C-alpha atoms as a PDB file:
ATOM      1  CA  MET A   1       2.915  18.444 -21.937  1.00  0.00           C
ATOM      2  CA  GLY A   2       1.018  17.937 -25.292  1.00  0.00           C
ATOM      3  CA  LYS A   3      -2.455  16.408 -25.478  1.00  0.00           C
ATOM      4  CA  ARG A   4      -2.266  12.818 -24.565  1.00  0.00           C
ATOM      5  CA  LEU A   5      -5.414  11.230 -25.426  1.00  0.00           C
ATOM      6  CA  SER A   6      -7.175  12.827 -28.232  1.00  0.00           C
ATOM      7  CA  LYS A   7      -9.748   9.800 -28.416  1.00  0.00           C
ATOM      8  CA  ILE A   8     -10.354   7.580 -25.664  1.00  0.00           C
ATOM      9  CA  TYR A   9     -11.758   4.539 -28.378  1.00  0.00           C
ATOM     10  CA  THR A  10      -9.534   3.516 -30.618  1.00  0.00           C
ATOM     11  CA  ARG A  11     -10.825  -0.151 -30.827  1.00  0.00           C
ATOM     12  CA  THR A  12      -7.535  -1.653 -30.885  1.00  0.00           C
ATOM     13  CA  GLY A  13      -8.330  -3.346 -27.711  1.00  0.00           C
ATOM     14  CA  ASP A  14     -11.485  -5.300 -28.630  1.00  0.00           C
ATOM     15  CA  LYS A  15      -9.453  -8.688 -29.479  1.00  0.00           C
ATOM     16  CA  GLY A  16      -9.019  -8.664 -25.799  1.00  0.00           C
ATOM     17  CA  GLU A  17      -5.652  -7.033 -26.464  1.00  0.00           C
ATOM     18  CA  THR A  18      -3.514  -3.522 -25.203  1.00  0.00           C
ATOM     19  CA  GLY A  19      -0.676  -1.823 -25.026  1.00  0.00           C
ATOM     20  CA  LEU A  20       1.912  -1.404 -22.954  1.00  0.00           C
ATOM     21  CA  GLY A  21       3.922   2.079 -22.223  1.00  0.00           C
ATOM     22  CA  ASP A  22       6.679   0.522 -24.366  1.00  0.00           C
ATOM     23  CA  GLY A  23       4.766   0.381 -27.557  1.00  0.00           C
ATOM     24  CA  SER A  24       4.731  -4.257 -26.795  1.00  0.00           C
ATOM     25  CA  ARG A  25       0.923  -5.342 -27.125  1.00  0.00           C
ATOM     26  CA  THR A  26      -0.170  -8.202 -24.690  1.00  0.00           C
ATOM     27  CA  ASN A  27      -3.391 -10.106 -23.476  1.00  0.00           C
ATOM     28  CA  LYS A  28      -5.701  -8.235 -21.330  1.00  0.00           C
ATOM     29  CA  ASP A  29      -5.093 -11.423 -18.619  1.00  0.00           C
ATOM     30  CA  ASN A  30      -1.664 -11.060 -18.759  1.00  0.00           C
ATOM     31  CA  SER A  31      -0.088 -10.535 -15.321  1.00  0.00           C
ATOM     32  CA  ARG A  32       1.736  -7.590 -15.646  1.00  0.00           C
ATOM     33  CA  ILE A  33      -1.978  -6.100 -16.835  1.00  0.00           C
ATOM     34  CA  GLN A  34      -3.678  -7.704 -13.730  1.00  0.00           C
ATOM     35  CA  ALA A  35      -0.800  -5.496 -11.754  1.00  0.00           C
ATOM     36  CA  ILE A  36      -1.641  -2.677 -13.456  1.00  0.00           C
ATOM     37  CA  GLY A  37      -5.163  -3.025 -13.160  1.00  0.00           C
ATOM     38  CA  SER A  38      -5.302  -3.759  -9.070  1.00  0.00           C
ATOM     39  CA  VAL A  39      -3.348  -0.745  -9.113  1.00  0.00           C
ATOM     40  CA  ASP A  40      -5.532   1.031 -11.182  1.00  0.00           C
ATOM     41  CA  GLU A  41      -8.413   0.100  -8.533  1.00  0.00           C
ATOM     42  CA  LEU A  42      -6.136   1.486  -5.202  1.00  0.00           C
ATOM     43  CA  ASN A  43      -6.008   4.697  -6.807  1.00  0.00           C
ATOM     44  CA  SER A  44      -9.650   4.737  -7.573  1.00  0.00           C
ATOM     45  CA  TRP A  45     -10.688   3.811  -4.133  1.00  0.00           C
ATOM     46  CA  ILE A  46      -7.686   5.808  -2.654  1.00  0.00           C
ATOM     47  CA  GLY A  47      -9.682   8.988  -4.710  1.00  0.00           C
ATOM     48  CA  LEU A  48     -12.568   7.678  -2.466  1.00  0.00           C
ATOM     49  CA  LEU A  49     -11.277   7.942   0.274  1.00  0.00           C
ATOM     50  CA  VAL A  50      -9.906  10.871  -0.107  1.00  0.00           C
ATOM     51  CA  GLU A  51     -13.128  12.529  -1.011  1.00  0.00           C
ATOM     52  CA  GLN A  52     -14.803  10.886   2.385  1.00  0.00           C
ATOM     53  CA  LEU A  53     -12.526  12.519   4.552  1.00  0.00           C
ATOM     54  CA  VAL A  54     -12.339  15.404   3.043  1.00  0.00           C
ATOM     55  CA  ASN A  55     -15.869  15.920   3.301  1.00  0.00           C
ATOM     56  CA  SER A  56     -16.353  14.165   7.549  1.00  0.00           C
ATOM     57  CA  GLU A  57     -14.918  18.164   7.818  1.00  0.00           C
ATOM     58  CA  GLN A  58     -12.883  16.660  10.776  1.00  0.00           C
ATOM     59  CA  PRO A  59      -9.672  19.000  11.030  1.00  0.00           C
ATOM     60  CA  GLY A  60      -7.639  15.977  12.400  1.00  0.00           C
ATOM     61  CA  LEU A  61      -8.151  14.435   9.737  1.00  0.00           C
ATOM     62  CA  ALA A  62      -7.372  16.651   7.002  1.00  0.00           C
ATOM     63  CA  PRO A  63      -3.672  16.733   6.656  1.00  0.00           C
ATOM     64  CA  THR A  64      -4.996  12.206   6.017  1.00  0.00           C
ATOM     65  CA  ALA A  65      -6.654  13.608   2.916  1.00  0.00           C
ATOM     66  CA  ASP A  66      -3.619  15.837   1.880  1.00  0.00           C
ATOM     67  CA  PHE A  67      -0.785  13.125   2.107  1.00  0.00           C
ATOM     68  CA  LEU A  68      -2.873  10.239   0.598  1.00  0.00           C
ATOM     69  CA  ARG A  69      -3.520  12.855  -2.874  1.00  0.00           C
ATOM     70  CA  GLY A  70       0.087  12.835  -2.938  1.00  0.00           C
ATOM     71  CA  CYS A  71      -0.136   8.815  -2.730  1.00  0.00           C
ATOM     72  CA  GLN A  72      -2.220   8.849  -5.914  1.00  0.00           C
ATOM     73  CA  HIS A  73       0.453  10.371  -7.801  1.00  0.00           C
ATOM     74  CA  ARG A  74       2.966   8.003  -6.528  1.00  0.00           C
ATOM     75  CA  ILE A  75       0.273   5.043  -7.202  1.00  0.00           C
ATOM     76  CA  PHE A  76      -0.471   6.785 -11.183  1.00  0.00           C
ATOM     77  CA  ASP A  77       3.425   6.462 -11.309  1.00  0.00           C
ATOM     78  CA  LEU A  78       3.701   2.986 -10.134  1.00  0.00           C
ATOM     79  CA  GLY A  79       1.276   2.446 -12.997  1.00  0.00           C
ATOM     80  CA  GLY A  80       3.147   4.024 -15.193  1.00  0.00           C
ATOM     81  CA  GLU A  81       6.486   1.599 -14.194  1.00  0.00           C
ATOM     82  CA  ILE A  82       4.724  -1.544 -14.544  1.00  0.00           C
ATOM     83  CA  SER A  83       3.612  -0.800 -17.912  1.00  0.00           C
ATOM     84  CA  ILE A  84       6.656  -0.174 -19.078  1.00  0.00           C
ATOM     85  CA  PRO A  85       8.573  -3.368 -18.384  1.00  0.00           C
ATOM     86  CA  GLY A  86      12.215  -2.644 -16.621  1.00  0.00           C
ATOM     87  CA  TYR A  87      11.336   1.291 -15.873  1.00  0.00           C
ATOM     88  CA  GLN A  88      12.184   2.785 -12.291  1.00  0.00           C
ATOM     89  CA  ILE A  89       9.607   5.515 -11.167  1.00  0.00           C
ATOM     90  CA  ILE A  90       9.355   4.452  -7.826  1.00  0.00           C
ATOM     91  CA  THR A  91      12.053   5.434  -5.191  1.00  0.00           C
ATOM     92  CA  GLN A  92      12.976   4.915  -1.859  1.00  0.00           C
ATOM     93  CA  ALA A  93      12.558   8.132  -0.832  1.00  0.00           C
ATOM     94  CA  HIS A  94       8.833   7.440  -1.733  1.00  0.00           C
ATOM     95  CA  VAL A  95       8.887   4.556   0.897  1.00  0.00           C
ATOM     96  CA  GLU A  96      10.220   6.400   3.326  1.00  0.00           C
ATOM     97  CA  LYS A  97       7.482   9.263   3.587  1.00  0.00           C
ATOM     98  CA  ILE A  98       5.363   7.130   3.539  1.00  0.00           C
ATOM     99  CA  GLU A  99       7.048   5.472   6.796  1.00  0.00           C
ATOM    100  CA  SER A 100       7.249   8.971   8.671  1.00  0.00           C
ATOM    101  CA  GLU A 101       3.318   9.659   7.879  1.00  0.00           C
ATOM    102  CA  LEU A 102       2.789   6.533   9.307  1.00  0.00           C
ATOM    103  CA  ASP A 103       5.174   6.634  12.423  1.00  0.00           C
ATOM    104  CA  GLU A 104       3.256   9.886  12.574  1.00  0.00           C
ATOM    105  CA  LEU A 105      -0.041   8.564  12.987  1.00  0.00           C
ATOM    106  CA  ASN A 106       0.801   5.321  15.232  1.00  0.00           C
ATOM    107  CA  GLN A 107       2.822   7.218  17.989  1.00  0.00           C
ATOM    108  CA  HIS A 108      -0.612   8.630  19.180  1.00  0.00           C
ATOM    109  CA  LEU A 109      -2.686   5.175  18.704  1.00  0.00           C
ATOM    110  CA  GLN A 110      -2.866   2.482  21.953  1.00  0.00           C
ATOM    111  CA  PRO A 111      -0.904  -0.770  21.153  1.00  0.00           C
ATOM    112  CA  LEU A 112      -3.182  -3.421  19.681  1.00  0.00           C
ATOM    113  CA  GLU A 113      -4.226  -6.214  22.045  1.00  0.00           C
ATOM    114  CA  ASN A 114      -6.643  -7.740  20.100  1.00  0.00           C
ATOM    115  CA  PHE A 115      -7.766  -8.096  15.614  1.00  0.00           C
ATOM    116  CA  ILE A 116      -9.575  -5.105  14.082  1.00  0.00           C
ATOM    117  CA  LEU A 117     -12.783  -5.590  12.006  1.00  0.00           C
ATOM    118  CA  PRO A 118     -12.941  -3.567   9.146  1.00  0.00           C
ATOM    119  CA  GLY A 119     -15.944  -1.014  10.813  1.00  0.00           C
ATOM    120  CA  GLY A 120     -17.334   1.305  13.400  1.00  0.00           C
ATOM    121  CA  SER A 121     -17.541   4.157  10.626  1.00  0.00           C
ATOM    122  CA  GLU A 122     -18.046   4.368   7.404  1.00  0.00           C
ATOM    123  CA  LEU A 123     -14.738   6.083   7.020  1.00  0.00           C
ATOM    124  CA  ILE A 124     -13.424   3.413   9.033  1.00  0.00           C
ATOM    125  CA  ALA A 125     -14.288   0.530   7.064  1.00  0.00           C
ATOM    126  CA  GLN A 126     -13.240   2.473   3.421  1.00  0.00           C
ATOM    127  CA  ALA A 127      -9.908   2.617   4.663  1.00  0.00           C
ATOM    128  CA  HIS A 128      -9.650  -0.988   5.189  1.00  0.00           C
ATOM    129  CA  LEU A 129     -11.459  -1.625   2.076  1.00  0.00           C
ATOM    130  CA  ALA A 130      -8.255   0.373   0.675  1.00  0.00           C
ATOM    131  CA  ARG A 131      -5.449  -1.522   2.420  1.00  0.00           C
ATOM    132  CA  SER A 132      -7.237  -4.953   1.420  1.00  0.00           C
ATOM    133  CA  ILE A 133      -6.835  -3.727  -2.090  1.00  0.00           C
ATOM    134  CA  CYS A 134      -3.809  -2.354  -1.720  1.00  0.00           C
ATOM    135  CA  ARG A 135      -2.693  -5.773  -0.672  1.00  0.00           C
ATOM    136  CA  ARG A 136      -3.907  -7.135  -3.493  1.00  0.00           C
ATOM    137  CA  ALA A 137      -1.944  -4.494  -5.819  1.00  0.00           C
ATOM    138  CA  GLU A 138       0.689  -6.020  -3.986  1.00  0.00           C
ATOM    139  CA  ARG A 139       0.613  -9.831  -4.585  1.00  0.00           C
ATOM    140  CA  ASP A 140      -0.369  -8.587  -8.315  1.00  0.00           C
ATOM    141  CA  LEU A 141       3.118  -7.884  -8.132  1.00  0.00           C
ATOM    142  CA  VAL A 142       4.997 -10.535  -6.606  1.00  0.00           C
ATOM    143  CA  THR A 143       3.280 -12.498  -8.878  1.00  0.00           C
ATOM    144  CA  LEU A 144       4.537 -10.942 -11.834  1.00  0.00           C
ATOM    145  CA  ARG A 145       7.696 -10.399  -9.834  1.00  0.00           C
ATOM    146  CA  ASN A 146       7.641 -14.334 -10.142  1.00  0.00           C
ATOM    147  CA  GLU A 147       7.242 -14.697 -13.864  1.00  0.00           C
ATOM    148  CA  PRO A 148      10.628 -16.013 -15.860  1.00  0.00           C
ATOM    149  CA  ASP A 149      12.155 -12.832 -17.625  1.00  0.00           C
ATOM    150  CA  GLN A 150       9.693 -10.623 -15.584  1.00  0.00           C
ATOM    151  CA  SER A 151      11.430  -7.795 -13.391  1.00  0.00           C
ATOM    152  CA  VAL A 152       9.914  -5.388 -10.837  1.00  0.00           C
ATOM    153  CA  ASN A 153      11.254  -2.799  -8.945  1.00  0.00           C
ATOM    154  CA  PRO A 154      11.777  -3.962  -5.440  1.00  0.00           C
ATOM    155  CA  GLU A 155      11.258  -0.169  -4.110  1.00  0.00           C
ATOM    156  CA  GLY A 156       7.310  -0.703  -6.294  1.00  0.00           C
ATOM    157  CA  LEU A 157       6.242  -3.419  -3.993  1.00  0.00           C
ATOM    158  CA  HIS A 158       7.702  -1.939  -0.781  1.00  0.00           C
ATOM    159  CA  PHE A 159       5.997   1.154  -1.547  1.00  0.00           C
ATOM    160  CA  LEU A 160       2.508  -0.785  -1.666  1.00  0.00           C
ATOM    161  CA  ASN A 161       3.662  -2.986   1.258  1.00  0.00           C
ATOM    162  CA  ARG A 162       4.377   0.763   3.627  1.00  0.00           C
ATOM    163  CA  LEU A 163       0.724   2.062   1.842  1.00  0.00           C
ATOM    164  CA  SER A 164      -1.462  -1.044   3.070  1.00  0.00           C
ATOM    165  CA  ASP A 165       0.414  -0.665   6.649  1.00  0.00           C
ATOM    166  CA  TYR A 166      -0.258   3.231   6.773  1.00  0.00           C
ATOM    167  CA  LEU A 167      -4.046   2.157   5.442  1.00  0.00           C
ATOM    168  CA  PHE A 168      -4.529   0.044   8.601  1.00  0.00           C
ATOM    169  CA  VAL A 169      -3.150   2.833  10.724  1.00  0.00           C
ATOM    170  CA  LEU A 170      -5.485   4.913   9.383  1.00  0.00           C
ATOM    171  CA  ALA A 171      -8.481   3.386   9.655  1.00  0.00           C
ATOM    172  CA  ARG A 172      -7.401   2.924  13.509  1.00  0.00           C
ATOM    173  CA  HIS A 173      -6.614   6.825  13.349  1.00  0.00           C
ATOM    174  CA  ILE A 174     -10.194   7.940  11.886  1.00  0.00           C
ATOM    175  CA  ALA A 175     -11.429   5.731  14.289  1.00  0.00           C
ATOM    176  CA  ARG A 176      -9.533   7.599  17.334  1.00  0.00           C
ATOM    177  CA  VAL A 177     -10.599  10.918  15.876  1.00  0.00           C
ATOM    178  CA  GLN A 178     -14.082  10.240  15.920  1.00  0.00           C
ATOM    179  CA  LYS A 179     -14.043   8.975  19.094  1.00  0.00           C
ATOM    180  CA  ILE A 180     -15.464   5.232  17.908  1.00  0.00           C
ATOM    181  CA  GLU A 181     -14.900   1.792  19.616  1.00  0.00           C
ATOM    182  CA  GLU A 182     -12.481  -0.113  16.982  1.00  0.00           C
ATOM    183  CA  VAL A 183     -14.169  -3.085  16.715  1.00  0.00           C
ATOM    184  CA  LEU A 184     -12.357  -5.513  17.805  1.00  0.00           C
ATOM    185  CA  TRP A 185     -12.531  -9.891  16.506  1.00  0.00           C
ATOM    186  CA  GLN A 186     -14.134 -11.934  18.859  1.00  0.00           C
ATOM    187  CA  LYS A 187     -12.881 -15.495  19.346  1.00  0.00           C
ATOM    188  CA  GLY A 188     -15.048 -18.411  18.223  1.00  0.00           C
END
């Protein structure tokens, strides 16, 4: 691949517009840009989570770091997909990969009998933070889809939905590996 960015600043966005992948320009507060931004933010938070998983030096968490690093590439693809209206990269196979990993983690967990609060350890809270940002990215993509004349790859929505489920189960898995009690919600 050739050089993509030879100069970081171009000044073309100084008036509140930005370019899409198809060469068209739109306002930076456009819902397509909102969705791209949320997906980008998600990728950044996942990157932080990956590094924290690696730095934890707990063998039971290494495979999840590797899996999430792969997800980062697909999240980047999703951002690219959103930046080119009508373009599709994310497929059902990407969704099924998350489901497979989710099922693997979930089989070792006790059934939930209460709501869980984000906490117990910094790593658990980080997984929940990534989950909540993933949910926002999903909501922003739904907002885009619901606008007139806007198309969104349904597999991109499925991908984000499954990834947020995975991040929830990952938080529970981290608690199990770290031998930390989950913080259960207490009514009233």
